Amino acid sequence: MKTSEMIERVKEFLGFRKLSYQRTFNLEDRDNVVVLEDIARFARAHETTASENERASCIMEGRREVWLRIQHHLQLSDDQLWKLYHKGE
């Protein structure tokens, strides 16, 4: 398989996965909004994850990473998502 074909397959996969996230977290559904708000609080989406306790910081950063992944799939365009994951971030 050519590299260009492989890249297209990966892009298709990312697009499909993005649609799955969007269907799962449909922002027109009030229950979904409540769940996302809860995850945002739990993951410290809008505040620092830094703590004097290194273990606690690592745990909170892991939670935040999950929040960011959900948000990437809900808010980024297909091209932005590709660039993000193509770089391995």
Protein backbone atom coordinates (compact mmCIF):
# COMPACT_ATOMS: atom_id res chain seq x y z
CA MET A 1 0.00 0.00 0.00
CA LYS A 2 1.32 3.44 -0.91
CA THR A 3 1.97 6.02 1.77
CA SER A 4 -0.64 8.37 0.28
CA GLU A 5 -3.26 5.60 0.44
CA MET A 6 -2.35 4.84 4.03
CA ILE A 7 -2.62 8.53 4.95
CA GLU A 8 -6.07 8.71 3.36
CA ARG A 9 -7.20 5.62 5.31
CA VAL A 10 -6.00 7.16 8.56
CA LYS A 11 -7.75 10.45 7.72
CA GLU A 12 -10.96 8.51 7.00
CA PHE A 13 -10.61 6.71 10.33
CA LEU A 14 -10.14 10.00 12.19
CA GLY A 15 -13.17 11.48 10.43
CA PHE A 16 -15.30 8.46 11.36
CA ARG A 17 -14.09 8.58 14.97
CA LYS A 18 -14.83 12.32 15.11
CA LEU A 19 -18.41 11.66 13.95
CA SER A 20 -18.73 8.98 16.63
CA TYR A 21 -17.67 11.46 19.32
CA GLN A 22 -20.09 14.06 17.92
CA ARG A 23 -22.98 11.59 17.95
CA THR A 24 -22.09 10.41 21.45
CA PHE A 25 -21.76 13.94 22.84
CA ASN A 26 -24.52 15.61 20.80
CA LEU A 27 -24.60 19.10 22.31
CA GLU A 28 -28.29 19.52 21.44
CA ASP A 29 -29.12 16.87 24.04
CA ARG A 30 -29.33 18.36 27.55
CA ASP A 31 -28.14 15.13 29.19
CA ASN A 32 -24.98 15.20 27.09
CA VAL A 33 -24.30 18.79 28.10
CA VAL A 34 -24.72 17.88 31.78
CA VAL A 35 -22.28 14.97 31.39
CA LEU A 36 -19.71 17.15 29.62
CA GLU A 37 -20.01 19.82 32.30
CA ASP A 38 -19.43 17.16 34.95
CA ILE A 39 -16.41 15.77 33.10
CA ALA A 40 -15.02 19.31 32.74
CA ARG A 41 -15.23 19.85 36.50
CA PHE A 42 -13.80 16.42 37.29
CA ALA A 43 -10.96 16.84 34.77
CA ARG A 44 -10.14 20.40 35.88
CA ALA A 45 -10.64 21.48 32.29
CA HIS A 46 -10.53 25.18 33.12
CA GLU A 47 -8.04 25.31 35.97
CA THR A 48 -4.52 24.22 36.73
CA THR A 49 -3.66 20.61 37.43
CA ALA A 50 -0.52 21.62 39.30
CA SER A 51 -0.22 20.49 42.89
CA GLU A 52 2.49 20.23 45.50
CA ASN A 53 1.78 16.50 45.45
CA GLU A 54 3.40 15.15 42.26
CA ARG A 55 1.20 12.04 42.18
CA ALA A 56 -1.96 14.13 42.48
CA SER A 57 -0.73 16.38 39.64
CA CYS A 58 -0.17 13.35 37.40
CA ILE A 59 -3.65 12.00 38.15
CA MET A 60 -5.29 15.36 37.46
CA GLU A 61 -3.30 15.81 34.24
CA GLY A 62 -4.46 12.37 33.07
CA ARG A 63 -8.06 13.37 33.68
CA ARG A 64 -7.51 16.62 31.78
CA GLU A 65 -5.98 14.71 28.87
CA VAL A 66 -9.22 12.75 28.47
CA TRP A 67 -11.20 16.01 28.49
CA LEU A 68 -8.95 17.47 25.80
CA ARG A 69 -9.34 14.39 23.61
CA ILE A 70 -13.13 14.68 23.76
CA GLN A 71 -12.93 18.40 22.98
CA HIS A 72 -10.56 17.85 20.05
CA HIS A 73 -13.07 15.51 18.45
CA LEU A 74 -16.00 17.85 19.11
CA GLN A 75 -14.42 21.16 18.13
CA LEU A 76 -11.58 20.70 15.67
CA SER A 77 -12.02 20.42 11.92
CA ASP A 78 -10.95 17.21 10.20
CA ASP A 79 -7.77 18.95 8.99
CA GLN A 80 -6.95 20.29 12.46
CA LEU A 81 -7.52 16.87 13.98
CA TRP A 82 -5.26 15.27 11.36
CA LYS A 83 -2.49 17.79 12.04
CA LEU A 84 -2.74 17.21 15.77
CA TYR A 85 -2.59 13.43 15.59
CA HIS A 86 -0.17 13.33 12.67
CA LYS A 87 2.33 15.17 14.88
CA GLY A 88 1.68 12.63 17.60
CA GLU A 89 0.41 15.13 20.13
